[in-house]
Amino acid sequence: MIDEELVRCRPCGYVMKESELGDVCPACGLPRSVFEPYREKVSANRLFILGLDIHPIAIHLSQTFVGLIPLLIVFHFIFPDFKENIVNSVLDFSIFMLPLSLVLSFISGVIDGITRFKTIKTPLLRSKIIFSILILVLAFSVWLTSYLNLSIWITLGLSFASLGCAVKLGLIGKRLLDVILPGAYVPRKKKKAPTSKVAVTKE
């Protein structure tokens, strides 16, 4: 995409290849006359990594299990005799897969943050890391309570807490979706501690 002529819709900011532009903007529907030439300011390597959408895909996978676990537990409370074996099998599978999918989401999120912002030490990314660690602890706790056959109410409470963390992470991530620093990624060097100069006196 970076090797082709790009255009941007001035009202909505949608960027696309000029060769694929029709009579209207695919995003907002305004006529093509509102488009202007656009030059990509992000390096091709970073665009390629972000274009793979590894983090969004991993997030959607983990969100499926986060939402499915409390839903299945509540469903089983309401309809205890409806396909009990199937419901329990899907529930056990979701509980097992939740922490694994969250680990994948966490790793891909770190890669996405470094690629997008060249660091993971920004205030919003720090918040995401804190909530990510919290939801990981909750997910492994859900798995442990299920493995030890503890009260289903404990599992339900932990799963709702995990869902709350997932919602918070989604709200933070939504604010960062279309934000990216321009240029190429250059690892930041650690600052060296200043060395004190010792004065030498001649006798």
N, C-alpha and C. Protein backbone atom coordinates (compact mmCIF):
# COMPACT_ATOMS: atom_id res chain seq x y z
N MET A 1 0.82 -1.21 0.00
CA MET A 1 0.00 0.00 0.00
C MET A 1 0.85 1.26 0.00
N ILE A 2 2.01 1.19 0.60
CA ILE A 2 2.85 2.38 0.71
C ILE A 2 3.52 2.73 -0.61
N ASP A 3 3.61 1.77 -1.57
CA ASP A 3 4.24 2.01 -2.86
C ASP A 3 3.27 2.61 -3.87
N GLU A 4 1.99 2.72 -3.56
CA GLU A 4 1.00 3.24 -4.48
C GLU A 4 0.55 4.62 -4.04
N GLU A 5 -0.06 5.34 -5.00
CA GLU A 5 -0.59 6.66 -4.69
C GLU A 5 -1.78 6.51 -3.75
N LEU A 6 -1.76 7.27 -2.66
CA LEU A 6 -2.82 7.21 -1.66
C LEU A 6 -3.63 8.49 -1.66
N VAL A 7 -4.89 8.37 -1.28
CA VAL A 7 -5.76 9.53 -1.13
C VAL A 7 -6.48 9.41 0.21
N ARG A 8 -6.87 10.57 0.74
CA ARG A 8 -7.54 10.61 2.04
C ARG A 8 -8.81 11.43 1.94
N CYS A 9 -9.87 10.92 2.54
CA CYS A 9 -11.13 11.66 2.60
C CYS A 9 -11.00 12.76 3.65
N ARG A 10 -11.13 14.00 3.24
CA ARG A 10 -10.94 15.11 4.18
C ARG A 10 -11.96 15.10 5.32
N PRO A 11 -13.24 14.85 5.09
CA PRO A 11 -14.20 14.89 6.20
C PRO A 11 -14.03 13.76 7.22
N CYS A 12 -13.80 12.51 6.76
CA CYS A 12 -13.78 11.39 7.71
C CYS A 12 -12.40 10.80 7.94
N GLY A 13 -11.41 11.16 7.09
CA GLY A 13 -10.04 10.69 7.30
C GLY A 13 -9.73 9.33 6.72
N TYR A 14 -10.66 8.72 5.96
CA TYR A 14 -10.44 7.39 5.40
C TYR A 14 -9.34 7.45 4.34
N VAL A 15 -8.34 6.52 4.46
CA VAL A 15 -7.20 6.47 3.54
C VAL A 15 -7.32 5.21 2.69
N MET A 16 -7.08 5.36 1.38
CA MET A 16 -7.16 4.22 0.47
C MET A 16 -6.30 4.46 -0.76
N LYS A 17 -6.14 3.42 -1.58
CA LYS A 17 -5.40 3.55 -2.82
C LYS A 17 -6.22 4.37 -3.81
N GLU A 18 -5.54 5.24 -4.54
CA GLU A 18 -6.24 6.06 -5.51
C GLU A 18 -6.86 5.21 -6.62
N SER A 19 -6.20 4.11 -6.99
CA SER A 19 -6.70 3.25 -8.05
C SER A 19 -8.00 2.55 -7.67
N GLU A 20 -8.29 2.43 -6.36
CA GLU A 20 -9.49 1.75 -5.90
C GLU A 20 -10.62 2.72 -5.57
N LEU A 21 -10.37 4.03 -5.74
CA LEU A 21 -11.38 5.02 -5.41
C LEU A 21 -12.48 5.05 -6.46
N GLY A 22 -13.72 4.92 -6.02
CA GLY A 22 -14.87 4.99 -6.92
C GLY A 22 -15.48 6.38 -6.92
N ASP A 23 -16.79 6.43 -7.07
CA ASP A 23 -17.48 7.72 -7.13
C ASP A 23 -17.71 8.33 -5.76
N VAL A 24 -17.70 7.48 -4.72
CA VAL A 24 -17.95 7.98 -3.37
C VAL A 24 -16.95 7.37 -2.40
N CYS A 25 -16.83 7.97 -1.23
CA CYS A 25 -15.97 7.42 -0.17
C CYS A 25 -16.60 6.14 0.38
N PRO A 26 -15.84 5.05 0.45
CA PRO A 26 -16.40 3.80 0.96
C PRO A 26 -16.84 3.90 2.42
N ALA A 27 -16.24 4.83 3.17
CA ALA A 27 -16.55 4.94 4.60
C ALA A 27 -17.76 5.83 4.88
N CYS A 28 -17.74 7.07 4.36
CA CYS A 28 -18.79 8.02 4.70
C CYS A 28 -19.77 8.31 3.57
N GLY A 29 -19.44 7.87 2.33
CA GLY A 29 -20.38 8.03 1.22
C GLY A 29 -20.35 9.37 0.51
N LEU A 30 -19.43 10.26 0.90
CA LEU A 30 -19.34 11.56 0.23
C LEU A 30 -18.67 11.39 -1.14
N PRO A 31 -18.89 12.34 -2.06
CA PRO A 31 -18.33 12.21 -3.43
C PRO A 31 -16.81 12.23 -3.43
N ARG A 32 -16.22 11.68 -4.49
CA ARG A 32 -14.77 11.55 -4.57
C ARG A 32 -14.06 12.88 -4.62
N SER A 33 -14.79 13.96 -4.89
CA SER A 33 -14.17 15.29 -4.97
C SER A 33 -13.63 15.74 -3.61
N VAL A 34 -14.07 15.10 -2.51
CA VAL A 34 -13.61 15.51 -1.18
C VAL A 34 -12.27 14.86 -0.84
N PHE A 35 -11.75 13.98 -1.72
CA PHE A 35 -10.48 13.31 -1.44
C PHE A 35 -9.31 14.21 -1.82
N GLU A 36 -8.20 14.01 -1.12
CA GLU A 36 -6.97 14.74 -1.37
C GLU A 36 -5.79 13.77 -1.35
N PRO A 37 -4.69 14.12 -2.02
CA PRO A 37 -3.51 13.23 -1.98
C PRO A 37 -3.02 13.05 -0.55
N TYR A 38 -2.53 11.85 -0.29
CA TYR A 38 -2.09 11.52 1.07
C TYR A 38 -0.75 10.81 1.00
N ARG A 39 0.15 11.20 1.88
CA ARG A 39 1.46 10.55 1.95
C ARG A 39 1.59 9.84 3.29
N GLU A 40 1.88 8.55 3.23
CA GLU A 40 2.02 7.76 4.44
C GLU A 40 3.28 8.16 5.20
N LYS A 41 3.14 8.39 6.50
CA LYS A 41 4.26 8.83 7.32
C LYS A 41 4.83 7.72 8.20
N VAL A 42 4.31 6.52 8.05
CA VAL A 42 4.76 5.39 8.86
C VAL A 42 5.56 4.45 7.98
N SER A 43 6.65 3.90 8.51
CA SER A 43 7.52 3.02 7.73
C SER A 43 6.78 1.78 7.27
N ALA A 44 7.24 1.21 6.16
CA ALA A 44 6.59 0.04 5.57
C ALA A 44 6.62 -1.16 6.51
N ASN A 45 7.73 -1.35 7.23
CA ASN A 45 7.83 -2.50 8.14
C ASN A 45 6.81 -2.43 9.26
N ARG A 46 6.63 -1.24 9.82
CA ARG A 46 5.65 -1.09 10.90
C ARG A 46 4.23 -1.25 10.37
N LEU A 47 3.96 -0.73 9.18
CA LEU A 47 2.63 -0.91 8.59
C LEU A 47 2.33 -2.37 8.32
N PHE A 48 3.36 -3.10 7.89
CA PHE A 48 3.17 -4.53 7.61
C PHE A 48 2.79 -5.30 8.87
N ILE A 49 3.52 -5.01 9.98
CA ILE A 49 3.24 -5.70 11.24
C ILE A 49 1.84 -5.37 11.74
N LEU A 50 1.48 -4.08 11.70
CA LEU A 50 0.16 -3.67 12.16
C LEU A 50 -0.93 -4.19 11.24
N GLY A 51 -0.61 -4.30 9.94
CA GLY A 51 -1.59 -4.78 8.98
C GLY A 51 -1.95 -6.24 9.16
N LEU A 52 -1.12 -6.99 9.86
CA LEU A 52 -1.43 -8.40 10.12
C LEU A 52 -2.60 -8.55 11.11
N ASP A 53 -2.86 -7.48 11.88
CA ASP A 53 -3.98 -7.47 12.84
C ASP A 53 -3.91 -8.63 13.83
N ILE A 54 -2.69 -8.98 14.26
CA ILE A 54 -2.54 -10.09 15.20
C ILE A 54 -3.23 -9.80 16.53
N HIS A 55 -3.03 -8.59 17.04
CA HIS A 55 -3.62 -8.24 18.34
C HIS A 55 -5.15 -8.18 18.28
N PRO A 56 -5.76 -7.51 17.29
CA PRO A 56 -7.23 -7.53 17.24
C PRO A 56 -7.82 -8.93 17.11
N ILE A 57 -7.17 -9.80 16.33
CA ILE A 57 -7.66 -11.17 16.18
C ILE A 57 -7.57 -11.91 17.51
N ALA A 58 -6.43 -11.77 18.21
CA ALA A 58 -6.26 -12.42 19.51
C ALA A 58 -7.27 -11.89 20.52
N ILE A 59 -7.53 -10.59 20.47
CA ILE A 59 -8.50 -9.98 21.38
C ILE A 59 -9.90 -10.55 21.15
N HIS A 60 -10.30 -10.66 19.89
CA HIS A 60 -11.63 -11.20 19.59
C HIS A 60 -11.75 -12.65 20.08
N LEU A 61 -10.67 -13.40 19.95
CA LEU A 61 -10.69 -14.79 20.41
C LEU A 61 -10.89 -14.87 21.92
N SER A 62 -10.11 -14.09 22.66
CA SER A 62 -10.22 -14.12 24.13
C SER A 62 -11.55 -13.55 24.60
N GLN A 63 -12.06 -12.52 23.91
CA GLN A 63 -13.34 -11.94 24.31
C GLN A 63 -14.48 -12.94 24.16
N THR A 64 -14.35 -13.83 23.18
CA THR A 64 -15.38 -14.87 23.01
C THR A 64 -15.49 -15.73 24.25
N PHE A 65 -14.34 -16.17 24.76
CA PHE A 65 -14.35 -17.02 25.96
C PHE A 65 -14.73 -16.24 27.21
N VAL A 66 -14.29 -14.98 27.30
CA VAL A 66 -14.62 -14.15 28.46
C VAL A 66 -16.13 -13.98 28.59
N GLY A 67 -16.80 -13.75 27.47
CA GLY A 67 -18.25 -13.56 27.50
C GLY A 67 -19.02 -14.86 27.58
N LEU A 68 -18.45 -15.93 27.02
CA LEU A 68 -19.16 -17.20 26.94
C LEU A 68 -19.26 -17.90 28.30
N ILE A 69 -18.22 -17.79 29.13
CA ILE A 69 -18.20 -18.52 30.40
C ILE A 69 -19.34 -18.09 31.33
N PRO A 70 -19.49 -16.80 31.68
CA PRO A 70 -20.62 -16.45 32.56
C PRO A 70 -21.97 -16.69 31.89
N LEU A 71 -22.03 -16.52 30.57
CA LEU A 71 -23.28 -16.76 29.86
C LEU A 71 -23.72 -18.22 29.99
N LEU A 72 -22.78 -19.14 29.81
CA LEU A 72 -23.11 -20.57 29.91
C LEU A 72 -23.49 -20.96 31.34
N ILE A 73 -22.80 -20.39 32.33
CA ILE A 73 -23.12 -20.71 33.72
C ILE A 73 -24.54 -20.25 34.06
N VAL A 74 -24.86 -19.01 33.69
CA VAL A 74 -26.21 -18.49 33.96
C VAL A 74 -27.25 -19.30 33.18
N PHE A 75 -26.94 -19.62 31.93
CA PHE A 75 -27.86 -20.42 31.11
C PHE A 75 -28.14 -21.78 31.75
N HIS A 76 -27.08 -22.38 32.31
CA HIS A 76 -27.24 -23.69 32.94
C HIS A 76 -28.07 -23.59 34.23
N PHE A 77 -27.97 -22.46 34.93
CA PHE A 77 -28.81 -22.25 36.11
C PHE A 77 -30.29 -22.18 35.72
N ILE A 78 -30.56 -21.49 34.61
CA ILE A 78 -31.95 -21.28 34.20
C ILE A 78 -32.54 -22.54 33.55
N PHE A 79 -31.72 -23.20 32.72
CA PHE A 79 -32.17 -24.41 32.02
C PHE A 79 -31.23 -25.57 32.36
N PRO A 80 -31.33 -26.12 33.57
CA PRO A 80 -30.37 -27.14 34.01
C PRO A 80 -30.44 -28.45 33.23
N ASP A 81 -31.59 -28.74 32.61
CA ASP A 81 -31.75 -30.02 31.91
C ASP A 81 -31.58 -29.91 30.40
N PHE A 82 -31.27 -28.73 29.90
CA PHE A 82 -31.14 -28.55 28.46
C PHE A 82 -29.72 -28.88 28.01
N LYS A 83 -29.56 -30.00 27.28
CA LYS A 83 -28.27 -30.40 26.71
C LYS A 83 -27.14 -30.25 27.72
N GLU A 84 -27.34 -30.84 28.90
CA GLU A 84 -26.39 -30.63 30.00
C GLU A 84 -24.97 -31.04 29.64
N ASN A 85 -24.82 -32.18 28.97
CA ASN A 85 -23.48 -32.66 28.62
C ASN A 85 -22.77 -31.71 27.65
N ILE A 86 -23.53 -31.20 26.67
CA ILE A 86 -22.95 -30.29 25.69
C ILE A 86 -22.56 -28.97 26.35
N VAL A 87 -23.45 -28.44 27.18
CA VAL A 87 -23.18 -27.16 27.86
C VAL A 87 -21.95 -27.28 28.75
N ASN A 88 -21.86 -28.36 29.51
CA ASN A 88 -20.71 -28.55 30.40
C ASN A 88 -19.42 -28.73 29.62
N SER A 89 -19.48 -29.42 28.47
CA SER A 89 -18.29 -29.62 27.65
C SER A 89 -17.79 -28.30 27.07
N VAL A 90 -18.71 -27.49 26.56
CA VAL A 90 -18.33 -26.19 26.01
C VAL A 90 -17.80 -25.28 27.12
N LEU A 91 -18.42 -25.35 28.29
CA LEU A 91 -17.97 -24.54 29.42
C LEU A 91 -16.56 -24.93 29.85
N ASP A 92 -16.31 -26.23 29.97
CA ASP A 92 -14.97 -26.70 30.35
C ASP A 92 -13.92 -26.28 29.32
N PHE A 93 -14.28 -26.38 28.05
CA PHE A 93 -13.35 -25.99 26.99
C PHE A 93 -13.06 -24.49 27.05
N SER A 94 -14.09 -23.68 27.28
CA SER A 94 -13.92 -22.22 27.34
C SER A 94 -13.05 -21.83 28.53
N ILE A 95 -13.27 -22.48 29.68
CA ILE A 95 -12.46 -22.19 30.87
C ILE A 95 -11.00 -22.56 30.64
N PHE A 96 -10.76 -23.66 29.92
CA PHE A 96 -9.39 -24.08 29.63
C PHE A 96 -8.71 -23.14 28.64
N MET A 97 -9.46 -22.67 27.64
CA MET A 97 -8.88 -21.85 26.58
C MET A 97 -8.73 -20.38 26.97
N LEU A 98 -9.51 -19.91 27.95
CA LEU A 98 -9.48 -18.49 28.32
C LEU A 98 -8.09 -18.00 28.69
N PRO A 99 -7.39 -18.61 29.66
CA PRO A 99 -6.06 -18.09 30.01
C PRO A 99 -5.06 -18.19 28.86
N LEU A 100 -5.16 -19.24 28.04
CA LEU A 100 -4.24 -19.38 26.91
C LEU A 100 -4.46 -18.26 25.89
N SER A 101 -5.72 -17.96 25.59
CA SER A 101 -6.02 -16.90 24.63
C SER A 101 -5.63 -15.53 25.18
N LEU A 102 -5.73 -15.34 26.49
CA LEU A 102 -5.34 -14.07 27.09
C LEU A 102 -3.83 -13.88 27.08
N VAL A 103 -3.08 -14.97 27.25
CA VAL A 103 -1.61 -14.88 27.14
C VAL A 103 -1.23 -14.44 25.74
N LEU A 104 -1.90 -15.03 24.73
CA LEU A 104 -1.66 -14.63 23.34
C LEU A 104 -2.02 -13.17 23.12
N SER A 105 -3.13 -12.73 23.70
CA SER A 105 -3.54 -11.33 23.57
C SER A 105 -2.53 -10.39 24.22
N PHE A 106 -2.01 -10.80 25.38
CA PHE A 106 -1.04 -9.96 26.09
C PHE A 106 0.25 -9.81 25.28
N ILE A 107 0.77 -10.92 24.77
CA ILE A 107 2.01 -10.88 23.99
C ILE A 107 1.82 -10.05 22.72
N SER A 108 0.71 -10.30 22.01
CA SER A 108 0.45 -9.54 20.79
C SER A 108 0.21 -8.07 21.09
N GLY A 109 -0.36 -7.77 22.27
CA GLY A 109 -0.57 -6.38 22.66
C GLY A 109 0.73 -5.64 22.91
N VAL A 110 1.69 -6.32 23.52
CA VAL A 110 3.01 -5.71 23.74
C VAL A 110 3.68 -5.41 22.40
N ILE A 111 3.61 -6.37 21.47
CA ILE A 111 4.19 -6.17 20.14
C ILE A 111 3.49 -5.01 19.43
N ASP A 112 2.17 -4.96 19.52
CA ASP A 112 1.41 -3.89 18.88
C ASP A 112 1.76 -2.54 19.49
N GLY A 113 1.89 -2.48 20.82
CA GLY A 113 2.22 -1.22 21.47
C GLY A 113 3.59 -0.70 21.08
N ILE A 114 4.59 -1.59 21.05
CA ILE A 114 5.94 -1.18 20.65
C ILE A 114 5.96 -0.74 19.20
N THR A 115 5.25 -1.47 18.34
CA THR A 115 5.21 -1.13 16.91
C THR A 115 4.48 0.18 16.67
N ARG A 116 3.37 0.38 17.38
CA ARG A 116 2.52 1.55 17.15
C ARG A 116 3.08 2.81 17.80
N PHE A 117 3.59 2.69 19.04
CA PHE A 117 4.01 3.87 19.80
C PHE A 117 5.51 3.90 20.11
N LYS A 118 6.24 2.83 19.69
CA LYS A 118 7.68 2.73 19.91
C LYS A 118 8.05 2.59 21.39
N THR A 119 7.06 2.39 22.24
CA THR A 119 7.28 2.18 23.67
C THR A 119 5.99 1.63 24.27
N ILE A 120 6.09 1.05 25.46
CA ILE A 120 4.89 0.61 26.17
C ILE A 120 4.77 1.32 27.51
N LYS A 121 5.43 2.47 27.62
CA LYS A 121 5.47 3.19 28.89
C LYS A 121 4.56 4.41 28.90
N THR A 122 3.66 4.53 27.92
CA THR A 122 2.73 5.65 27.92
C THR A 122 1.64 5.41 28.98
N PRO A 123 0.96 6.46 29.44
CA PRO A 123 -0.05 6.28 30.50
C PRO A 123 -1.16 5.28 30.14
N LEU A 124 -1.69 5.38 28.92
CA LEU A 124 -2.77 4.47 28.54
C LEU A 124 -2.29 3.03 28.40
N LEU A 125 -1.08 2.86 27.87
CA LEU A 125 -0.55 1.50 27.73
C LEU A 125 -0.22 0.90 29.09
N ARG A 126 0.23 1.74 30.03
CA ARG A 126 0.45 1.24 31.39
C ARG A 126 -0.86 0.75 32.00
N SER A 127 -1.94 1.51 31.77
CA SER A 127 -3.25 1.09 32.27
C SER A 127 -3.67 -0.23 31.65
N LYS A 128 -3.43 -0.38 30.34
CA LYS A 128 -3.78 -1.63 29.68
C LYS A 128 -2.99 -2.81 30.24
N ILE A 129 -1.73 -2.58 30.53
CA ILE A 129 -0.90 -3.65 31.09
C ILE A 129 -1.41 -4.06 32.47
N ILE A 130 -1.78 -3.08 33.29
CA ILE A 130 -2.29 -3.38 34.64
C ILE A 130 -3.57 -4.22 34.55
N PHE A 131 -4.51 -3.79 33.72
CA PHE A 131 -5.77 -4.53 33.58
C PHE A 131 -5.55 -5.88 32.90
N SER A 132 -4.55 -5.97 32.02
CA SER A 132 -4.23 -7.25 31.38
C SER A 132 -3.70 -8.25 32.38
N ILE A 133 -2.83 -7.79 33.28
CA ILE A 133 -2.32 -8.68 34.33
C ILE A 133 -3.44 -9.12 35.25
N LEU A 134 -4.33 -8.18 35.58
CA LEU A 134 -5.46 -8.50 36.46
C LEU A 134 -6.38 -9.54 35.83
N ILE A 135 -6.69 -9.39 34.54
CA ILE A 135 -7.59 -10.34 33.89
C ILE A 135 -6.91 -11.70 33.72
N LEU A 136 -5.59 -11.70 33.56
CA LEU A 136 -4.86 -12.97 33.50
C LEU A 136 -4.95 -13.72 34.84
N VAL A 137 -4.77 -12.99 35.94
CA VAL A 137 -4.89 -13.60 37.26
C VAL A 137 -6.30 -14.15 37.47
N LEU A 138 -7.31 -13.39 37.06
CA LEU A 138 -8.69 -13.83 37.21
C LEU A 138 -8.97 -15.06 36.34
N ALA A 139 -8.43 -15.07 35.12
CA ALA A 139 -8.67 -16.19 34.22
C ALA A 139 -8.06 -17.48 34.75
N PHE A 140 -6.83 -17.39 35.25
CA PHE A 140 -6.21 -18.58 35.84
C PHE A 140 -6.95 -19.00 37.12
N SER A 141 -7.51 -18.03 37.84
CA SER A 141 -8.30 -18.36 39.02
C SER A 141 -9.59 -19.09 38.64
N VAL A 142 -10.22 -18.66 37.55
CA VAL A 142 -11.40 -19.36 37.05
C VAL A 142 -11.06 -20.80 36.70
N TRP A 143 -9.93 -20.97 36.01
CA TRP A 143 -9.51 -22.33 35.65
C TRP A 143 -9.22 -23.17 36.91
N LEU A 144 -8.59 -22.56 37.91
CA LEU A 144 -8.24 -23.29 39.12
C LEU A 144 -9.48 -23.71 39.91
N THR A 145 -10.46 -22.80 40.02
CA THR A 145 -11.69 -23.14 40.74
C THR A 145 -12.44 -24.27 40.05
N SER A 146 -12.40 -24.27 38.71
CA SER A 146 -13.06 -25.34 37.96
C SER A 146 -12.31 -26.65 38.13
N TYR A 147 -10.99 -26.58 38.09
CA TYR A 147 -10.17 -27.79 38.21
C TYR A 147 -10.32 -28.43 39.59
N LEU A 148 -10.45 -27.59 40.63
CA LEU A 148 -10.59 -28.09 41.99
C LEU A 148 -12.04 -28.39 42.37
N ASN A 149 -12.94 -28.17 41.40
CA ASN A 149 -14.38 -28.41 41.65
C ASN A 149 -14.91 -27.61 42.83
N LEU A 150 -14.49 -26.34 42.91
CA LEU A 150 -15.00 -25.47 43.95
C LEU A 150 -16.40 -24.98 43.57
N SER A 151 -17.00 -24.18 44.42
CA SER A 151 -18.36 -23.70 44.19
C SER A 151 -18.47 -22.98 42.85
N ILE A 152 -19.55 -23.30 42.12
CA ILE A 152 -19.78 -22.66 40.83
C ILE A 152 -20.01 -21.17 40.98
N TRP A 153 -20.46 -20.76 42.18
CA TRP A 153 -20.68 -19.33 42.43
C TRP A 153 -19.35 -18.57 42.44
N ILE A 154 -18.30 -19.21 42.92
CA ILE A 154 -16.98 -18.58 42.88
C ILE A 154 -16.53 -18.41 41.44
N THR A 155 -16.72 -19.45 40.64
CA THR A 155 -16.36 -19.39 39.23
C THR A 155 -17.16 -18.29 38.52
N LEU A 156 -18.44 -18.20 38.83
CA LEU A 156 -19.29 -17.17 38.21
C LEU A 156 -18.83 -15.77 38.60
N GLY A 157 -18.52 -15.57 39.88
CA GLY A 157 -18.05 -14.25 40.32
C GLY A 157 -16.75 -13.84 39.66
N LEU A 158 -15.82 -14.79 39.59
CA LEU A 158 -14.53 -14.51 38.94
C LEU A 158 -14.70 -14.24 37.45
N SER A 159 -15.63 -14.96 36.82
CA SER A 159 -15.84 -14.77 35.38
C SER A 159 -16.47 -13.41 35.09
N PHE A 160 -17.37 -12.95 35.98
CA PHE A 160 -17.94 -11.61 35.81
C PHE A 160 -16.87 -10.54 36.04
N ALA A 161 -15.97 -10.77 36.98
CA ALA A 161 -14.87 -9.83 37.20
C ALA A 161 -13.96 -9.78 35.97
N SER A 162 -13.71 -10.94 35.36
CA SER A 162 -12.92 -10.99 34.12
C SER A 162 -13.61 -10.22 33.01
N LEU A 163 -14.92 -10.38 32.92
CA LEU A 163 -15.69 -9.66 31.90
C LEU A 163 -15.60 -8.15 32.10
N GLY A 164 -15.63 -7.71 33.37
CA GLY A 164 -15.48 -6.29 33.65
C GLY A 164 -14.13 -5.76 33.21
N CYS A 165 -13.07 -6.53 33.47
CA CYS A 165 -11.73 -6.13 33.02
C CYS A 165 -11.65 -6.07 31.50
N ALA A 166 -12.29 -7.03 30.84
CA ALA A 166 -12.29 -7.06 29.38
C ALA A 166 -12.98 -5.82 28.79
N VAL A 167 -14.08 -5.42 29.43
CA VAL A 167 -14.78 -4.21 28.98
C VAL A 167 -13.89 -2.98 29.15
N LYS A 168 -13.22 -2.88 30.29
CA LYS A 168 -12.32 -1.75 30.55
C LYS A 168 -11.18 -1.73 29.54
N LEU A 169 -10.60 -2.89 29.25
CA LEU A 169 -9.52 -2.96 28.25
C LEU A 169 -10.03 -2.55 26.88
N GLY A 170 -11.26 -2.95 26.56
CA GLY A 170 -11.82 -2.56 25.26
C GLY A 170 -12.03 -1.06 25.15
N LEU A 171 -12.46 -0.43 26.23
CA LEU A 171 -12.67 1.01 26.22
C LEU A 171 -11.35 1.77 26.05
N ILE A 172 -10.30 1.27 26.71
CA ILE A 172 -8.98 1.90 26.55
C ILE A 172 -8.46 1.67 25.13
N GLY A 173 -8.58 0.43 24.66
CA GLY A 173 -8.08 0.10 23.32
C GLY A 173 -8.78 0.87 22.23
N LYS A 174 -10.07 1.17 22.42
CA LYS A 174 -10.82 1.92 21.41
C LYS A 174 -10.22 3.31 21.20
N ARG A 175 -9.69 3.90 22.27
CA ARG A 175 -9.10 5.24 22.17
C ARG A 175 -7.76 5.21 21.44
N LEU A 176 -7.13 4.03 21.34
CA LEU A 176 -5.81 3.93 20.72
C LEU A 176 -5.85 3.32 19.32
N LEU A 177 -7.06 3.00 18.85
CA LEU A 177 -7.21 2.22 17.63
C LEU A 177 -6.59 2.90 16.42
N ASP A 178 -6.82 4.18 16.26
CA ASP A 178 -6.36 4.89 15.06
C ASP A 178 -5.19 5.81 15.35
N VAL A 179 -4.47 5.55 16.44
CA VAL A 179 -3.34 6.40 16.82
C VAL A 179 -2.04 5.65 16.54
N ILE A 180 -1.10 6.35 15.90
CA ILE A 180 0.20 5.73 15.60
C ILE A 180 1.24 6.82 15.40
N LEU A 181 2.41 6.62 15.97
CA LEU A 181 3.50 7.58 15.78
C LEU A 181 4.09 7.41 14.38
N PRO A 182 4.45 8.50 13.70
CA PRO A 182 5.05 8.39 12.37
C PRO A 182 6.50 7.92 12.45
N GLY A 183 7.05 7.60 11.27
CA GLY A 183 8.46 7.24 11.18
C GLY A 183 8.71 5.76 11.32
N ALA A 184 9.99 5.40 11.46
CA ALA A 184 10.41 4.01 11.62
C ALA A 184 10.70 3.73 13.09
N TYR A 185 10.61 2.46 13.46
CA TYR A 185 10.88 2.10 14.85
C TYR A 185 12.38 2.01 15.09
N VAL A 186 12.86 2.77 16.04
CA VAL A 186 14.27 2.74 16.44
C VAL A 186 14.32 2.46 17.93
N PRO A 187 14.92 1.36 18.35
CA PRO A 187 15.00 1.05 19.79
C PRO A 187 15.64 2.19 20.56
N ARG A 188 15.03 2.53 21.66
CA ARG A 188 15.54 3.63 22.47
C ARG A 188 16.71 3.15 23.32
N LYS A 189 17.81 3.89 23.25
CA LYS A 189 18.99 3.52 24.03
C LYS A 189 18.86 4.01 25.45
N LYS A 190 19.36 3.22 26.37
CA LYS A 190 19.36 3.62 27.76
C LYS A 190 20.39 4.72 27.99
N LYS A 191 19.98 5.70 28.78
CA LYS A 191 20.89 6.80 29.07
C LYS A 191 22.00 6.34 30.01
N LYS A 192 23.23 6.68 29.64
CA LYS A 192 24.36 6.31 30.49
C LYS A 192 24.50 7.30 31.64
N ALA A 193 24.84 6.77 32.79
CA ALA A 193 25.04 7.63 33.95
C ALA A 193 26.26 8.50 33.73
N PRO A 194 26.14 9.80 34.02
CA PRO A 194 27.29 10.70 33.81
C PRO A 194 28.47 10.31 34.68
N THR A 195 29.64 10.31 34.06
CA THR A 195 30.86 9.96 34.81
C THR A 195 31.49 11.23 35.36
N SER A 196 31.88 11.18 36.60
CA SER A 196 32.47 12.35 37.24
C SER A 196 33.95 12.44 36.86
N LYS A 197 34.34 13.64 36.46
CA LYS A 197 35.73 13.87 36.07
C LYS A 197 36.57 14.22 37.30
N VAL A 198 37.69 13.57 37.41
CA VAL A 198 38.59 13.84 38.54
C VAL A 198 39.69 14.78 38.07
N ALA A 199 39.79 15.89 38.73
CA ALA A 199 40.80 16.87 38.35
C ALA A 199 42.18 16.36 38.74
N VAL A 200 43.14 16.49 37.80
CA VAL A 200 44.51 16.06 38.06
C VAL A 200 45.37 17.30 38.20
N THR A 201 46.04 17.42 39.33
CA THR A 201 46.89 18.59 39.58
C THR A 201 48.34 18.22 39.37
N LYS A 202 49.03 19.10 38.71
CA LYS A 202 50.46 18.87 38.50
C LYS A 202 51.25 19.44 39.66
N GLU A 203 52.20 18.67 40.13
CA GLU A 203 53.04 19.15 41.23
C GLU A 203 54.29 19.82 40.67
